[in-house]
Amino acid sequence: MGNRRVVVAGILMAFCLMALPLAALPGGPRGDAYVGYSRTTANAFYANVSGLNGWQAALHLKVSRPFLGIEGDISQYGLGTNSAVPRTTMFLVGPRVTAGAAGFHLFAHVLGGGEHSANSSGLSISGGSFAYAVGGGLDMRLIPYVAWRVTGDYLGAPSSSPSGAAHARIGTGLVLRF
């Protein structure tokens, strides 16, 4: 399990380092890269499973200044030492609208894509399905080109989520503007 954490940390660090040279482009920020902690509510993907912890990374590129952009999001839940905990990985993409002033940026997005669930224990959970997230967040500037983000989304994976499940995720982490 320790090797898996090192790999995930390496991927997240590489993600941020790749975006760093873009921060020096003339004309101000043209997007942002985010990496942080994320948590789903109970039963979001599996029945009788409490909320899952994980990580989330996103890349946002402005298509039309100053408001409209496109966002790609990847997240994984269920990281832990217990192999009986199901793991879910989500890959989402979609439009994002951003407005900001005085060091704060408020955004809303509608993302669609897929999720893959797996489990290495005897629960036999394995498969993938369509998934979506509708929500947004708030970025608070810390220093030039760096901000702190708080997010919230309504999650859905209609073919794999149990009925009556709470479909939410929250997250927080660092943003690098470029």
C-alpha atoms as a PDB file:
ATOM      1  CA  MET A   1       0.000   0.000   0.000  1.00  0.00           C
ATOM      2  CA  GLY A   2       2.936   2.345   0.674  1.00  0.00           C
ATOM      3  CA  ASN A   3       4.081   2.109  -2.967  1.00  0.00           C
ATOM      4  CA  ARG A   4       0.622   3.126  -4.157  1.00  0.00           C
ATOM      5  CA  ARG A   5       0.727   6.290  -2.055  1.00  0.00           C
ATOM      6  CA  VAL A   6       4.146   7.183  -3.468  1.00  0.00           C
ATOM      7  CA  VAL A   7       2.850   6.720  -7.028  1.00  0.00           C
ATOM      8  CA  VAL A   8      -0.240   8.869  -6.372  1.00  0.00           C
ATOM      9  CA  ALA A   9       1.874  11.589  -4.720  1.00  0.00           C
ATOM     10  CA  GLY A  10       4.281  11.508  -7.681  1.00  0.00           C
ATOM     11  CA  ILE A  11       1.445  11.878 -10.195  1.00  0.00           C
ATOM     12  CA  LEU A  12      -0.025  14.816  -8.295  1.00  0.00           C
ATOM     13  CA  MET A  13       3.362  16.534  -8.016  1.00  0.00           C
ATOM     14  CA  ALA A  14       4.071  16.031 -11.735  1.00  0.00           C
ATOM     15  CA  PHE A  15       0.631  17.461 -12.548  1.00  0.00           C
ATOM     16  CA  CYS A  16       1.443  20.681 -10.654  1.00  0.00           C
ATOM     17  CA  LEU A  17       5.001  20.956 -11.991  1.00  0.00           C
ATOM     18  CA  MET A  18       3.797  20.646 -15.612  1.00  0.00           C
ATOM     19  CA  ALA A  19       1.489  23.623 -15.103  1.00  0.00           C
ATOM     20  CA  LEU A  20       4.174  25.802 -13.454  1.00  0.00           C
ATOM     21  CA  PRO A  21       5.827  27.124 -16.680  1.00  0.00           C
ATOM     22  CA  LEU A  22       2.396  28.192 -17.940  1.00  0.00           C
ATOM     23  CA  ALA A  23       2.125  30.685 -15.055  1.00  0.00           C
ATOM     24  CA  ALA A  24       4.759  32.873 -16.736  1.00  0.00           C
ATOM     25  CA  LEU A  25       2.762  33.377 -19.970  1.00  0.00           C
ATOM     26  CA  PRO A  26       2.065  37.037 -20.839  1.00  0.00           C
ATOM     27  CA  GLY A  27      -1.478  38.364 -20.622  1.00  0.00           C
ATOM     28  CA  GLY A  28      -2.415  37.043 -17.205  1.00  0.00           C
ATOM     29  CA  PRO A  29      -3.914  33.748 -16.120  1.00  0.00           C
ATOM     30  CA  ARG A  30      -5.485  31.594 -18.842  1.00  0.00           C
ATOM     31  CA  GLY A  31      -6.530  28.769 -16.607  1.00  0.00           C
ATOM     32  CA  ASP A  32      -5.609  26.894 -13.469  1.00  0.00           C
ATOM     33  CA  ALA A  33      -4.467  23.552 -12.108  1.00  0.00           C
ATOM     34  CA  TYR A  34      -5.911  22.212  -8.851  1.00  0.00           C
ATOM     35  CA  VAL A  35      -4.935  19.337  -6.589  1.00  0.00           C
ATOM     36  CA  GLY A  36      -6.419  18.518  -3.208  1.00  0.00           C
ATOM     37  CA  TYR A  37      -8.280  16.328  -0.761  1.00  0.00           C
ATOM     38  CA  SER A  38     -11.791  15.147  -1.623  1.00  0.00           C
ATOM     39  CA  ARG A  39     -14.505  13.183   0.223  1.00  0.00           C
ATOM     40  CA  THR A  40     -17.749  11.594  -0.914  1.00  0.00           C
ATOM     41  CA  THR A  41     -20.830  11.188   1.219  1.00  0.00           C
ATOM     42  CA  ALA A  42     -22.061   7.810   2.457  1.00  0.00           C
ATOM     43  CA  ASN A  43     -23.331   5.348  -0.167  1.00  0.00           C
ATOM     44  CA  ALA A  44     -22.340   7.603  -3.107  1.00  0.00           C
ATOM     45  CA  PHE A  45     -21.191   4.596  -5.149  1.00  0.00           C
ATOM     46  CA  TYR A  46     -21.779   1.547  -2.936  1.00  0.00           C
ATOM     47  CA  ALA A  47     -24.531   0.515  -0.545  1.00  0.00           C
ATOM     48  CA  ASN A  48     -23.596   0.380   3.152  1.00  0.00           C
ATOM     49  CA  VAL A  49     -20.243   2.140   2.680  1.00  0.00           C
ATOM     50  CA  SER A  50     -19.538   5.277   4.679  1.00  0.00           C
ATOM     51  CA  GLY A  51     -18.067   8.316   2.938  1.00  0.00           C
ATOM     52  CA  LEU A  52     -14.844   7.660   1.058  1.00  0.00           C
ATOM     53  CA  ASN A  53     -11.685   9.779   1.297  1.00  0.00           C
ATOM     54  CA  GLY A  54      -9.515  10.485  -1.693  1.00  0.00           C
ATOM     55  CA  TRP A  55      -7.851  13.034  -3.907  1.00  0.00           C
ATOM     56  CA  GLN A  56      -8.957  15.208  -6.789  1.00  0.00           C
ATOM     57  CA  ALA A  57      -7.020  17.006  -9.533  1.00  0.00           C
ATOM     58  CA  ALA A  58      -8.444  19.343 -12.174  1.00  0.00           C
ATOM     59  CA  LEU A  59      -7.172  21.381 -15.100  1.00  0.00           C
ATOM     60  CA  HIS A  60      -9.171  24.390 -16.311  1.00  0.00           C
ATOM     61  CA  LEU A  61      -8.440  26.244 -19.558  1.00  0.00           C
ATOM     62  CA  LYS A  62     -10.213  29.445 -20.563  1.00  0.00           C
ATOM     63  CA  VAL A  63     -11.768  29.216 -24.022  1.00  0.00           C
ATOM     64  CA  SER A  64     -13.477  32.583 -24.065  1.00  0.00           C
ATOM     65  CA  ARG A  65     -12.164  35.347 -21.851  1.00  0.00           C
ATOM     66  CA  PRO A  66     -13.057  36.134 -19.177  1.00  0.00           C
ATOM     67  CA  PHE A  67     -15.802  33.689 -18.110  1.00  0.00           C
ATOM     68  CA  LEU A  68     -16.101  30.473 -20.151  1.00  0.00           C
ATOM     69  CA  GLY A  69     -13.675  27.581 -19.966  1.00  0.00           C
ATOM     70  CA  ILE A  70     -13.339  23.817 -20.190  1.00  0.00           C
ATOM     71  CA  GLU A  71     -12.381  21.655 -17.231  1.00  0.00           C
ATOM     72  CA  GLY A  72     -10.959  18.161 -16.915  1.00  0.00           C
ATOM     73  CA  ASP A  73     -11.215  16.416 -13.545  1.00  0.00           C
ATOM     74  CA  ILE A  74      -9.799  13.164 -12.201  1.00  0.00           C
ATOM     75  CA  SER A  75     -10.426  11.827  -8.713  1.00  0.00           C
ATOM     76  CA  GLN A  76      -9.988   8.623  -6.757  1.00  0.00           C
ATOM     77  CA  TYR A  77     -11.759   7.530  -3.573  1.00  0.00           C
ATOM     78  CA  GLY A  78     -11.275   4.743  -1.089  1.00  0.00           C
ATOM     79  CA  LEU A  79      -7.574   5.190  -0.462  1.00  0.00           C
ATOM     80  CA  GLY A  80      -6.736   3.483   2.780  1.00  0.00           C
ATOM     81  CA  THR A  81      -5.043   0.523   4.350  1.00  0.00           C
ATOM     82  CA  ASN A  82      -8.106  -1.725   4.306  1.00  0.00           C
ATOM     83  CA  SER A  83      -8.277  -3.733   1.077  1.00  0.00           C
ATOM     84  CA  ALA A  84     -11.988  -4.361   1.694  1.00  0.00           C
ATOM     85  CA  VAL A  85     -12.745  -0.681   1.029  1.00  0.00           C
ATOM     86  CA  PRO A  86     -14.006  -0.255  -2.529  1.00  0.00           C
ATOM     87  CA  ARG A  87     -12.061   2.111  -4.763  1.00  0.00           C
ATOM     88  CA  THR A  88     -13.572   4.398  -7.361  1.00  0.00           C
ATOM     89  CA  THR A  89     -11.760   6.460  -9.977  1.00  0.00           C
ATOM     90  CA  MET A  90     -13.635   9.170 -11.898  1.00  0.00           C
ATOM     91  CA  PHE A  91     -12.635  10.922 -15.149  1.00  0.00           C
ATOM     92  CA  LEU A  92     -14.840  13.931 -15.987  1.00  0.00           C
ATOM     93  CA  VAL A  93     -14.793  16.824 -18.475  1.00  0.00           C
ATOM     94  CA  GLY A  94     -17.117  19.733 -19.244  1.00  0.00           C
ATOM     95  CA  PRO A  95     -17.772  23.475 -19.329  1.00  0.00           C
ATOM     96  CA  ARG A  96     -16.991  25.840 -16.486  1.00  0.00           C
ATOM     97  CA  VAL A  97     -18.095  29.445 -15.882  1.00  0.00           C
ATOM     98  CA  THR A  98     -15.894  31.612 -13.644  1.00  0.00           C
ATOM     99  CA  ALA A  99     -16.352  35.107 -12.207  1.00  0.00           C
ATOM    100  CA  GLY A 100     -13.969  36.867  -9.880  1.00  0.00           C
ATOM    101  CA  ALA A 101     -13.063  40.066  -8.075  1.00  0.00           C
ATOM    102  CA  ALA A 102     -10.818  41.209  -5.223  1.00  0.00           C
ATOM    103  CA  GLY A 103      -8.825  37.970  -5.058  1.00  0.00           C
ATOM    104  CA  PHE A 104     -11.848  35.643  -5.039  1.00  0.00           C
ATOM    105  CA  HIS A 105     -13.056  33.502  -7.948  1.00  0.00           C
ATOM    106  CA  LEU A 106     -16.435  31.778  -7.883  1.00  0.00           C
ATOM    107  CA  PHE A 107     -17.086  29.042 -10.463  1.00  0.00           C
ATOM    108  CA  ALA A 108     -19.748  26.586 -11.556  1.00  0.00           C
ATOM    109  CA  HIS A 109     -19.285  23.499 -13.742  1.00  0.00           C
ATOM    110  CA  VAL A 110     -21.179  20.614 -15.317  1.00  0.00           C
ATOM    111  CA  LEU A 111     -18.910  17.616 -15.902  1.00  0.00           C
ATOM    112  CA  GLY A 112     -19.565  14.262 -17.517  1.00  0.00           C
ATOM    113  CA  GLY A 113     -17.460  11.174 -18.083  1.00  0.00           C
ATOM    114  CA  GLY A 114     -16.995   7.832 -16.424  1.00  0.00           C
ATOM    115  CA  GLU A 115     -16.161   6.052 -13.225  1.00  0.00           C
ATOM    116  CA  HIS A 116     -14.492   2.746 -12.580  1.00  0.00           C
ATOM    117  CA  SER A 117     -14.965   0.807  -9.357  1.00  0.00           C
ATOM    118  CA  ALA A 118     -12.852  -2.076  -8.121  1.00  0.00           C
ATOM    119  CA  ASN A 119     -12.210  -4.051  -4.976  1.00  0.00           C
ATOM    120  CA  SER A 120      -9.451  -6.489  -4.201  1.00  0.00           C
ATOM    121  CA  SER A 121     -11.395  -8.384  -1.523  1.00  0.00           C
ATOM    122  CA  GLY A 122     -14.206 -10.891  -1.898  1.00  0.00           C
ATOM    123  CA  LEU A 123     -16.917  -8.262  -2.488  1.00  0.00           C
ATOM    124  CA  SER A 124     -16.563  -8.667  -6.276  1.00  0.00           C
ATOM    125  CA  ILE A 125     -17.086  -5.021  -7.141  1.00  0.00           C
ATOM    126  CA  SER A 126     -15.597  -4.277 -10.521  1.00  0.00           C
ATOM    127  CA  GLY A 127     -16.918  -2.302 -13.409  1.00  0.00           C
ATOM    128  CA  GLY A 128     -17.477   1.119 -14.836  1.00  0.00           C
ATOM    129  CA  SER A 129     -20.307   3.421 -15.757  1.00  0.00           C
ATOM    130  CA  PHE A 130     -21.256   6.900 -16.899  1.00  0.00           C
ATOM    131  CA  ALA A 131     -20.765   9.530 -14.186  1.00  0.00           C
ATOM    132  CA  TYR A 132     -21.394  13.237 -13.788  1.00  0.00           C
ATOM    133  CA  ALA A 133     -20.766  16.088 -11.349  1.00  0.00           C
ATOM    134  CA  VAL A 134     -22.665  19.373 -11.089  1.00  0.00           C
ATOM    135  CA  GLY A 135     -21.392  22.011  -8.702  1.00  0.00           C
ATOM    136  CA  GLY A 136     -18.714  24.585  -8.215  1.00  0.00           C
ATOM    137  CA  GLY A 137     -16.394  26.246  -5.798  1.00  0.00           C
ATOM    138  CA  LEU A 138     -14.568  29.262  -4.505  1.00  0.00           C
ATOM    139  CA  ASP A 139     -10.893  30.146  -4.971  1.00  0.00           C
ATOM    140  CA  MET A 140      -9.272  32.514  -2.457  1.00  0.00           C
ATOM    141  CA  ARG A 141      -5.988  34.118  -3.546  1.00  0.00           C
ATOM    142  CA  LEU A 142      -3.021  33.435  -1.250  1.00  0.00           C
ATOM    143  CA  ILE A 143      -0.183  34.976  -3.281  1.00  0.00           C
ATOM    144  CA  PRO A 144       0.058  35.888  -6.974  1.00  0.00           C
ATOM    145  CA  TYR A 145      -0.789  32.838  -9.118  1.00  0.00           C
ATOM    146  CA  VAL A 146      -1.584  30.655  -6.066  1.00  0.00           C
ATOM    147  CA  ALA A 147      -4.992  30.220  -4.412  1.00  0.00           C
ATOM    148  CA  TRP A 148      -6.835  27.943  -1.983  1.00  0.00           C
ATOM    149  CA  ARG A 149      -9.971  26.196  -3.298  1.00  0.00           C
ATOM    150  CA  VAL A 150     -13.102  24.873  -1.597  1.00  0.00           C
ATOM    151  CA  THR A 151     -15.465  22.808  -3.790  1.00  0.00           C
ATOM    152  CA  GLY A 152     -18.797  21.025  -3.629  1.00  0.00           C
ATOM    153  CA  ASP A 153     -20.511  18.824  -6.213  1.00  0.00           C
ATOM    154  CA  TYR A 154     -23.584  16.702  -6.700  1.00  0.00           C
ATOM    155  CA  LEU A 155     -22.216  13.366  -8.000  1.00  0.00           C
ATOM    156  CA  GLY A 156     -24.034  10.779  -9.984  1.00  0.00           C
ATOM    157  CA  ALA A 157     -23.297   7.398 -11.495  1.00  0.00           C
ATOM    158  CA  PRO A 158     -26.853   6.329 -12.365  1.00  0.00           C
ATOM    159  CA  SER A 159     -26.093   2.731 -13.259  1.00  0.00           C
ATOM    160  CA  SER A 160     -23.910   2.016 -10.213  1.00  0.00           C
ATOM    161  CA  SER A 161     -25.131   4.258  -7.363  1.00  0.00           C
ATOM    162  CA  PRO A 162     -27.527   2.626  -4.876  1.00  0.00           C
ATOM    163  CA  SER A 163     -31.016   4.107  -4.663  1.00  0.00           C
ATOM    164  CA  GLY A 164     -31.467   6.643  -1.894  1.00  0.00           C
ATOM    165  CA  ALA A 165     -27.747   7.404  -1.785  1.00  0.00           C
ATOM    166  CA  ALA A 166     -26.365  10.793  -0.823  1.00  0.00           C
ATOM    167  CA  HIS A 167     -24.593  12.004  -3.948  1.00  0.00           C
ATOM    168  CA  ALA A 168     -22.175  14.681  -2.793  1.00  0.00           C
ATOM    169  CA  ARG A 169     -18.470  15.345  -2.707  1.00  0.00           C
ATOM    170  CA  ILE A 170     -16.542  18.133  -1.069  1.00  0.00           C
ATOM    171  CA  GLY A 171     -12.930  19.086  -1.513  1.00  0.00           C
ATOM    172  CA  THR A 172     -10.201  21.538  -0.690  1.00  0.00           C
ATOM    173  CA  GLY A 173      -6.669  22.148  -1.925  1.00  0.00           C
ATOM    174  CA  LEU A 174      -4.193  24.335  -3.787  1.00  0.00           C
ATOM    175  CA  VAL A 175      -4.689  26.098  -7.121  1.00  0.00           C
ATOM    176  CA  LEU A 176      -1.950  27.282  -9.461  1.00  0.00           C
ATOM    177  CA  ARG A 177      -3.065  29.918 -11.982  1.00  0.00           C
ATOM    178  CA  PHE A 178      -1.339  30.166 -15.364  1.00  0.00           C
END
